[in-house]
N, C-alpha and C. Protein backbone atom coordinates (compact mmCIF):
# COMPACT_ATOMS: atom_id res chain seq x y z
N MET A 1 -1.15 24.07 5.69
CA MET A 1 0.07 23.56 6.28
C MET A 1 1.10 23.36 5.16
N SER A 2 2.29 23.84 5.37
CA SER A 2 3.34 23.65 4.37
C SER A 2 3.91 22.24 4.48
N ASP A 3 4.54 21.78 3.40
CA ASP A 3 5.15 20.45 3.42
C ASP A 3 6.21 20.35 4.51
N ALA A 4 6.89 21.45 4.81
CA ALA A 4 7.94 21.43 5.83
C ALA A 4 7.37 21.12 7.20
N ALA A 5 6.08 21.43 7.44
CA ALA A 5 5.47 21.20 8.74
C ALA A 5 4.96 19.76 8.90
N VAL A 6 4.90 19.01 7.82
CA VAL A 6 4.42 17.63 7.89
C VAL A 6 5.56 16.74 8.36
N PRO A 7 5.35 16.02 9.49
CA PRO A 7 6.43 15.16 9.97
C PRO A 7 6.73 14.06 8.96
N GLN A 8 8.01 13.81 8.72
CA GLN A 8 8.42 12.76 7.80
C GLN A 8 8.61 11.46 8.59
N PRO A 9 8.12 10.34 8.04
CA PRO A 9 8.30 9.08 8.75
C PRO A 9 9.77 8.68 8.80
N HIS A 10 10.12 7.94 9.81
CA HIS A 10 11.47 7.39 9.93
C HIS A 10 11.52 6.09 9.15
N PRO A 11 12.67 5.75 8.58
CA PRO A 11 12.78 4.45 7.91
C PRO A 11 12.34 3.33 8.87
N GLY A 12 11.51 2.43 8.37
CA GLY A 12 10.98 1.34 9.18
C GLY A 12 9.60 1.59 9.73
N ASP A 13 9.11 2.85 9.65
CA ASP A 13 7.74 3.16 10.10
C ASP A 13 6.73 2.59 9.12
N LEU A 14 5.61 2.09 9.64
CA LEU A 14 4.49 1.74 8.78
C LEU A 14 3.86 3.06 8.34
N VAL A 15 3.79 3.28 7.03
CA VAL A 15 3.35 4.59 6.53
C VAL A 15 2.02 4.54 5.80
N TRP A 16 1.53 3.35 5.44
CA TRP A 16 0.27 3.25 4.69
C TRP A 16 -0.19 1.81 4.76
N PHE A 17 -1.48 1.59 4.66
CA PHE A 17 -1.97 0.23 4.50
C PHE A 17 -3.00 0.22 3.39
N GLU A 18 -3.16 -0.95 2.82
CA GLU A 18 -4.05 -1.08 1.68
C GLU A 18 -4.80 -2.41 1.79
N ILE A 19 -6.08 -2.35 1.49
CA ILE A 19 -6.89 -3.56 1.42
C ILE A 19 -7.06 -3.89 -0.05
N ASN A 20 -6.68 -5.10 -0.43
CA ASN A 20 -6.84 -5.56 -1.80
C ASN A 20 -8.00 -6.55 -1.80
N SER A 21 -9.06 -6.21 -2.53
CA SER A 21 -10.30 -7.00 -2.49
C SER A 21 -10.94 -7.11 -3.87
N PRO A 22 -11.53 -8.28 -4.18
CA PRO A 22 -12.26 -8.40 -5.44
C PRO A 22 -13.61 -7.68 -5.39
N ASP A 23 -14.06 -7.30 -4.18
CA ASP A 23 -15.34 -6.61 -4.02
C ASP A 23 -15.15 -5.42 -3.08
N VAL A 24 -14.70 -4.30 -3.65
CA VAL A 24 -14.41 -3.11 -2.85
C VAL A 24 -15.66 -2.58 -2.14
N GLU A 25 -16.81 -2.66 -2.80
CA GLU A 25 -18.05 -2.17 -2.18
C GLU A 25 -18.38 -2.96 -0.92
N LYS A 26 -18.21 -4.26 -0.98
CA LYS A 26 -18.46 -5.11 0.19
C LYS A 26 -17.45 -4.79 1.30
N ALA A 27 -16.18 -4.59 0.91
CA ALA A 27 -15.15 -4.24 1.89
C ALA A 27 -15.44 -2.89 2.54
N LYS A 28 -15.89 -1.92 1.74
CA LYS A 28 -16.24 -0.60 2.29
C LYS A 28 -17.37 -0.73 3.31
N ALA A 29 -18.40 -1.51 3.00
CA ALA A 29 -19.52 -1.70 3.92
C ALA A 29 -19.04 -2.36 5.22
N PHE A 30 -18.19 -3.37 5.11
CA PHE A 30 -17.69 -4.07 6.28
C PHE A 30 -16.83 -3.17 7.17
N TYR A 31 -15.77 -2.59 6.59
CA TYR A 31 -14.84 -1.79 7.39
C TYR A 31 -15.43 -0.46 7.82
N GLY A 32 -16.28 0.12 6.98
CA GLY A 32 -16.97 1.35 7.38
C GLY A 32 -17.85 1.11 8.59
N GLY A 33 -18.58 -0.02 8.58
CA GLY A 33 -19.43 -0.37 9.71
C GLY A 33 -18.64 -0.74 10.95
N LEU A 34 -17.52 -1.44 10.76
CA LEU A 34 -16.71 -1.90 11.89
C LEU A 34 -15.93 -0.77 12.56
N PHE A 35 -15.28 0.08 11.74
CA PHE A 35 -14.38 1.09 12.27
C PHE A 35 -14.87 2.53 12.12
N GLY A 36 -15.98 2.73 11.41
CA GLY A 36 -16.47 4.08 11.18
C GLY A 36 -15.68 4.83 10.12
N TRP A 37 -14.95 4.09 9.28
CA TRP A 37 -14.17 4.72 8.22
C TRP A 37 -15.11 5.31 7.16
N THR A 38 -14.65 6.37 6.52
CA THR A 38 -15.34 6.94 5.36
C THR A 38 -14.40 6.81 4.16
N PHE A 39 -14.96 7.01 2.96
CA PHE A 39 -14.20 6.70 1.76
C PHE A 39 -14.41 7.75 0.68
N THR A 40 -13.38 7.96 -0.12
CA THR A 40 -13.50 8.76 -1.34
C THR A 40 -12.83 7.96 -2.46
N SER A 41 -13.28 8.22 -3.67
CA SER A 41 -12.76 7.50 -4.83
C SER A 41 -11.79 8.39 -5.60
N SER A 42 -10.77 7.75 -6.15
CA SER A 42 -9.77 8.46 -6.92
C SER A 42 -9.46 7.66 -8.19
N PRO A 43 -9.85 8.17 -9.37
CA PRO A 43 -9.53 7.45 -10.62
C PRO A 43 -8.03 7.28 -10.80
N MET A 44 -7.62 6.08 -11.19
CA MET A 44 -6.19 5.77 -11.39
C MET A 44 -6.02 5.07 -12.73
N GLY A 45 -6.40 5.74 -13.80
CA GLY A 45 -6.28 5.11 -15.12
C GLY A 45 -7.44 4.17 -15.37
N ASP A 46 -7.15 2.87 -15.44
CA ASP A 46 -8.19 1.90 -15.76
C ASP A 46 -8.91 1.32 -14.54
N PHE A 47 -8.65 1.85 -13.35
CA PHE A 47 -9.38 1.42 -12.17
C PHE A 47 -9.57 2.60 -11.23
N THR A 48 -10.40 2.40 -10.22
CA THR A 48 -10.64 3.45 -9.22
C THR A 48 -10.04 3.01 -7.90
N TYR A 49 -9.21 3.84 -7.32
CA TYR A 49 -8.59 3.59 -6.02
C TYR A 49 -9.47 4.25 -4.97
N THR A 50 -9.72 3.56 -3.88
CA THR A 50 -10.55 4.09 -2.80
C THR A 50 -9.66 4.51 -1.65
N LEU A 51 -9.75 5.77 -1.25
CA LEU A 51 -9.00 6.28 -0.10
C LEU A 51 -9.82 6.06 1.16
N ILE A 52 -9.16 5.63 2.22
CA ILE A 52 -9.80 5.38 3.51
C ILE A 52 -9.50 6.56 4.42
N HIS A 53 -10.56 7.06 5.08
CA HIS A 53 -10.42 8.19 6.01
C HIS A 53 -10.88 7.78 7.40
N GLN A 54 -10.13 8.19 8.39
CA GLN A 54 -10.53 8.00 9.78
C GLN A 54 -10.41 9.35 10.46
N ARG A 55 -11.51 9.81 11.01
CA ARG A 55 -11.58 11.14 11.68
C ARG A 55 -11.01 12.22 10.76
N GLY A 56 -11.36 12.15 9.47
CA GLY A 56 -10.98 13.18 8.51
C GLY A 56 -9.58 13.07 7.96
N LYS A 57 -8.81 12.07 8.36
CA LYS A 57 -7.43 11.92 7.90
C LYS A 57 -7.32 10.69 6.99
N GLU A 58 -6.60 10.84 5.86
CA GLU A 58 -6.33 9.69 5.00
C GLU A 58 -5.41 8.73 5.73
N VAL A 59 -5.83 7.48 5.84
CA VAL A 59 -5.02 6.50 6.57
C VAL A 59 -4.66 5.28 5.73
N GLY A 60 -5.30 5.12 4.58
CA GLY A 60 -5.01 3.95 3.76
C GLY A 60 -5.84 3.95 2.49
N GLY A 61 -5.82 2.82 1.81
CA GLY A 61 -6.56 2.72 0.57
C GLY A 61 -7.08 1.32 0.32
N MET A 62 -7.92 1.23 -0.70
CA MET A 62 -8.45 -0.06 -1.16
C MET A 62 -8.20 -0.18 -2.65
N MET A 63 -7.72 -1.33 -3.04
CA MET A 63 -7.39 -1.60 -4.43
C MET A 63 -8.28 -2.73 -4.92
N PRO A 64 -8.97 -2.53 -6.06
CA PRO A 64 -9.78 -3.63 -6.60
C PRO A 64 -8.89 -4.70 -7.22
N MET A 65 -9.20 -5.95 -6.92
CA MET A 65 -8.44 -7.08 -7.46
C MET A 65 -9.12 -7.57 -8.73
N VAL A 66 -8.91 -6.83 -9.82
CA VAL A 66 -9.55 -7.13 -11.09
C VAL A 66 -8.47 -7.32 -12.15
N GLY A 67 -8.59 -8.35 -12.93
CA GLY A 67 -7.64 -8.59 -14.02
C GLY A 67 -6.79 -9.82 -13.77
N PRO A 68 -6.06 -10.24 -14.81
CA PRO A 68 -5.29 -11.48 -14.73
C PRO A 68 -4.18 -11.49 -13.69
N MET A 69 -3.63 -10.32 -13.36
CA MET A 69 -2.53 -10.31 -12.38
C MET A 69 -2.98 -10.76 -10.99
N TRP A 70 -4.30 -10.72 -10.74
CA TRP A 70 -4.84 -11.09 -9.43
C TRP A 70 -5.32 -12.55 -9.40
N GLN A 71 -5.24 -13.25 -10.52
CA GLN A 71 -5.71 -14.64 -10.60
C GLN A 71 -5.06 -15.49 -9.51
N GLY A 72 -5.88 -16.10 -8.67
CA GLY A 72 -5.39 -16.99 -7.62
C GLY A 72 -4.88 -16.29 -6.38
N VAL A 73 -4.89 -14.96 -6.34
CA VAL A 73 -4.42 -14.22 -5.17
C VAL A 73 -5.61 -13.97 -4.25
N PRO A 74 -5.54 -14.38 -2.99
CA PRO A 74 -6.66 -14.14 -2.08
C PRO A 74 -6.71 -12.67 -1.65
N PRO A 75 -7.89 -12.19 -1.24
CA PRO A 75 -7.96 -10.82 -0.69
C PRO A 75 -6.97 -10.71 0.48
N HIS A 76 -6.38 -9.52 0.63
CA HIS A 76 -5.36 -9.36 1.67
C HIS A 76 -5.14 -7.89 2.01
N TRP A 77 -4.47 -7.69 3.12
CA TRP A 77 -3.99 -6.37 3.53
C TRP A 77 -2.54 -6.26 3.08
N MET A 78 -2.14 -5.08 2.63
CA MET A 78 -0.75 -4.82 2.27
C MET A 78 -0.27 -3.64 3.11
N ASN A 79 0.80 -3.85 3.85
CA ASN A 79 1.41 -2.78 4.64
C ASN A 79 2.58 -2.18 3.89
N TYR A 80 2.71 -0.87 3.98
CA TYR A 80 3.80 -0.14 3.34
C TYR A 80 4.74 0.38 4.42
N VAL A 81 6.00 0.03 4.30
CA VAL A 81 7.02 0.43 5.26
C VAL A 81 7.90 1.49 4.62
N GLY A 82 8.07 2.62 5.30
CA GLY A 82 8.89 3.70 4.79
C GLY A 82 10.36 3.34 4.76
N VAL A 83 11.03 3.72 3.67
CA VAL A 83 12.47 3.51 3.53
C VAL A 83 13.08 4.76 2.90
N ALA A 84 14.37 4.94 3.08
CA ALA A 84 15.06 6.08 2.49
C ALA A 84 15.30 5.88 0.99
N ASP A 85 15.46 4.62 0.56
CA ASP A 85 15.77 4.30 -0.84
C ASP A 85 15.15 2.95 -1.16
N VAL A 86 14.10 2.94 -1.97
CA VAL A 86 13.38 1.70 -2.30
C VAL A 86 14.29 0.69 -2.97
N ASP A 87 15.07 1.13 -3.95
CA ASP A 87 15.94 0.21 -4.68
C ASP A 87 16.96 -0.45 -3.76
N ALA A 88 17.60 0.34 -2.92
CA ALA A 88 18.61 -0.20 -2.01
C ALA A 88 17.98 -1.15 -0.99
N ALA A 89 16.80 -0.79 -0.47
CA ALA A 89 16.13 -1.64 0.52
C ALA A 89 15.68 -2.96 -0.11
N ALA A 90 15.18 -2.91 -1.34
CA ALA A 90 14.77 -4.14 -2.03
C ALA A 90 15.98 -5.06 -2.26
N GLN A 91 17.09 -4.47 -2.66
CA GLN A 91 18.31 -5.25 -2.88
C GLN A 91 18.79 -5.87 -1.57
N GLN A 92 18.74 -5.09 -0.48
CA GLN A 92 19.16 -5.61 0.81
C GLN A 92 18.23 -6.74 1.27
N ALA A 93 16.93 -6.58 1.05
CA ALA A 93 15.97 -7.62 1.42
C ALA A 93 16.29 -8.92 0.68
N GLU A 94 16.61 -8.80 -0.59
CA GLU A 94 16.96 -9.98 -1.39
C GLU A 94 18.23 -10.65 -0.87
N GLN A 95 19.21 -9.85 -0.49
CA GLN A 95 20.47 -10.39 0.05
C GLN A 95 20.24 -11.11 1.38
N LEU A 96 19.17 -10.69 2.11
CA LEU A 96 18.87 -11.31 3.40
C LEU A 96 17.90 -12.48 3.28
N GLY A 97 17.59 -12.89 2.05
CA GLY A 97 16.75 -14.06 1.85
C GLY A 97 15.32 -13.76 1.45
N GLY A 98 14.99 -12.49 1.25
CA GLY A 98 13.65 -12.12 0.79
C GLY A 98 13.55 -12.27 -0.71
N LYS A 99 12.34 -12.05 -1.22
CA LYS A 99 12.11 -12.16 -2.66
C LYS A 99 11.40 -10.90 -3.15
N ILE A 100 11.86 -10.35 -4.26
CA ILE A 100 11.20 -9.20 -4.87
C ILE A 100 10.07 -9.71 -5.74
N CYS A 101 8.84 -9.35 -5.39
CA CYS A 101 7.65 -9.80 -6.14
C CYS A 101 7.24 -8.77 -7.18
N VAL A 102 7.33 -7.50 -6.83
CA VAL A 102 7.08 -6.39 -7.76
C VAL A 102 8.30 -5.50 -7.66
N PRO A 103 9.06 -5.34 -8.74
CA PRO A 103 10.27 -4.52 -8.67
C PRO A 103 9.94 -3.05 -8.40
N SER A 104 10.92 -2.31 -8.03
CA SER A 104 10.76 -0.88 -7.74
C SER A 104 10.02 -0.20 -8.89
N THR A 105 8.97 0.53 -8.53
CA THR A 105 8.07 1.13 -9.51
C THR A 105 7.73 2.55 -9.07
N ASP A 106 7.73 3.48 -10.02
CA ASP A 106 7.35 4.85 -9.72
C ASP A 106 5.85 5.04 -9.87
N LEU A 107 5.28 5.81 -8.96
CA LEU A 107 3.90 6.28 -9.01
C LEU A 107 3.95 7.81 -8.96
N PRO A 108 2.87 8.48 -9.27
CA PRO A 108 2.90 9.95 -9.19
C PRO A 108 3.27 10.48 -7.80
N VAL A 109 3.00 9.71 -6.74
CA VAL A 109 3.23 10.21 -5.38
C VAL A 109 4.43 9.57 -4.69
N GLY A 110 5.11 8.64 -5.35
CA GLY A 110 6.26 8.01 -4.72
C GLY A 110 6.75 6.80 -5.47
N ARG A 111 7.57 6.00 -4.80
CA ARG A 111 8.16 4.80 -5.40
C ARG A 111 7.93 3.64 -4.43
N PHE A 112 7.65 2.45 -4.99
CA PHE A 112 7.40 1.30 -4.14
C PHE A 112 7.96 0.03 -4.76
N ALA A 113 8.05 -1.01 -3.95
CA ALA A 113 8.36 -2.37 -4.39
C ALA A 113 7.63 -3.30 -3.43
N VAL A 114 7.24 -4.46 -3.92
CA VAL A 114 6.62 -5.47 -3.06
C VAL A 114 7.62 -6.60 -2.89
N ILE A 115 7.85 -6.97 -1.64
CA ILE A 115 8.78 -8.06 -1.36
C ILE A 115 8.13 -9.02 -0.36
N THR A 116 8.72 -10.21 -0.26
CA THR A 116 8.34 -11.13 0.80
C THR A 116 9.56 -11.41 1.65
N ASP A 117 9.30 -11.67 2.92
CA ASP A 117 10.40 -12.06 3.80
C ASP A 117 10.71 -13.54 3.54
N PRO A 118 11.75 -14.09 4.17
CA PRO A 118 12.11 -15.48 3.89
C PRO A 118 11.00 -16.50 4.18
N ALA A 119 10.04 -16.16 5.04
CA ALA A 119 8.94 -17.07 5.34
C ALA A 119 7.76 -16.88 4.40
N GLY A 120 7.81 -15.84 3.54
CA GLY A 120 6.75 -15.61 2.56
C GLY A 120 5.76 -14.50 2.88
N ALA A 121 5.93 -13.83 4.00
CA ALA A 121 5.04 -12.72 4.34
C ALA A 121 5.35 -11.52 3.44
N ALA A 122 4.31 -10.98 2.80
CA ALA A 122 4.49 -9.88 1.84
C ALA A 122 4.29 -8.52 2.49
N PHE A 123 5.05 -7.56 2.01
CA PHE A 123 4.87 -6.15 2.40
C PHE A 123 5.49 -5.29 1.31
N SER A 124 5.20 -4.00 1.38
CA SER A 124 5.73 -3.07 0.38
C SER A 124 6.72 -2.11 1.01
N LEU A 125 7.72 -1.76 0.26
CA LEU A 125 8.65 -0.69 0.62
C LEU A 125 8.11 0.58 -0.01
N TRP A 126 8.24 1.73 0.65
CA TRP A 126 7.67 2.97 0.15
C TRP A 126 8.57 4.15 0.43
N LYS A 127 8.69 5.02 -0.56
CA LYS A 127 9.37 6.32 -0.40
C LYS A 127 8.51 7.36 -1.11
N SER A 128 7.98 8.33 -0.37
CA SER A 128 7.19 9.40 -0.95
C SER A 128 8.07 10.34 -1.76
N LYS A 129 7.47 11.01 -2.76
CA LYS A 129 8.21 12.03 -3.52
C LYS A 129 8.32 13.28 -2.69
């Protein structure tokens, strides 16, 4: 399938989800048993990212919560919302009372930022390359 045939998400669509856990193996056993998900591993520098598959399609990922940046952060789900421009959306979120927790950052497959809404609920903005 060519890239042109892949439907592009509309701004505001949930485009990815991620489970952040200090014990990825335990999370894989739980969610695999509950939902029938399967998993593959993908090295990402100093950690391994786990891709989640449902009926043969990549639907999300799992991130290990290892290192000082995760100190005091409970395990959680992170939703990624598609936007046309991560920087502009993060700035707009801040103007509307949100907080930028992780500034706009490039990854090999796209750009993201983590923000919270005015009540503190966290989510990520995402734009694929």
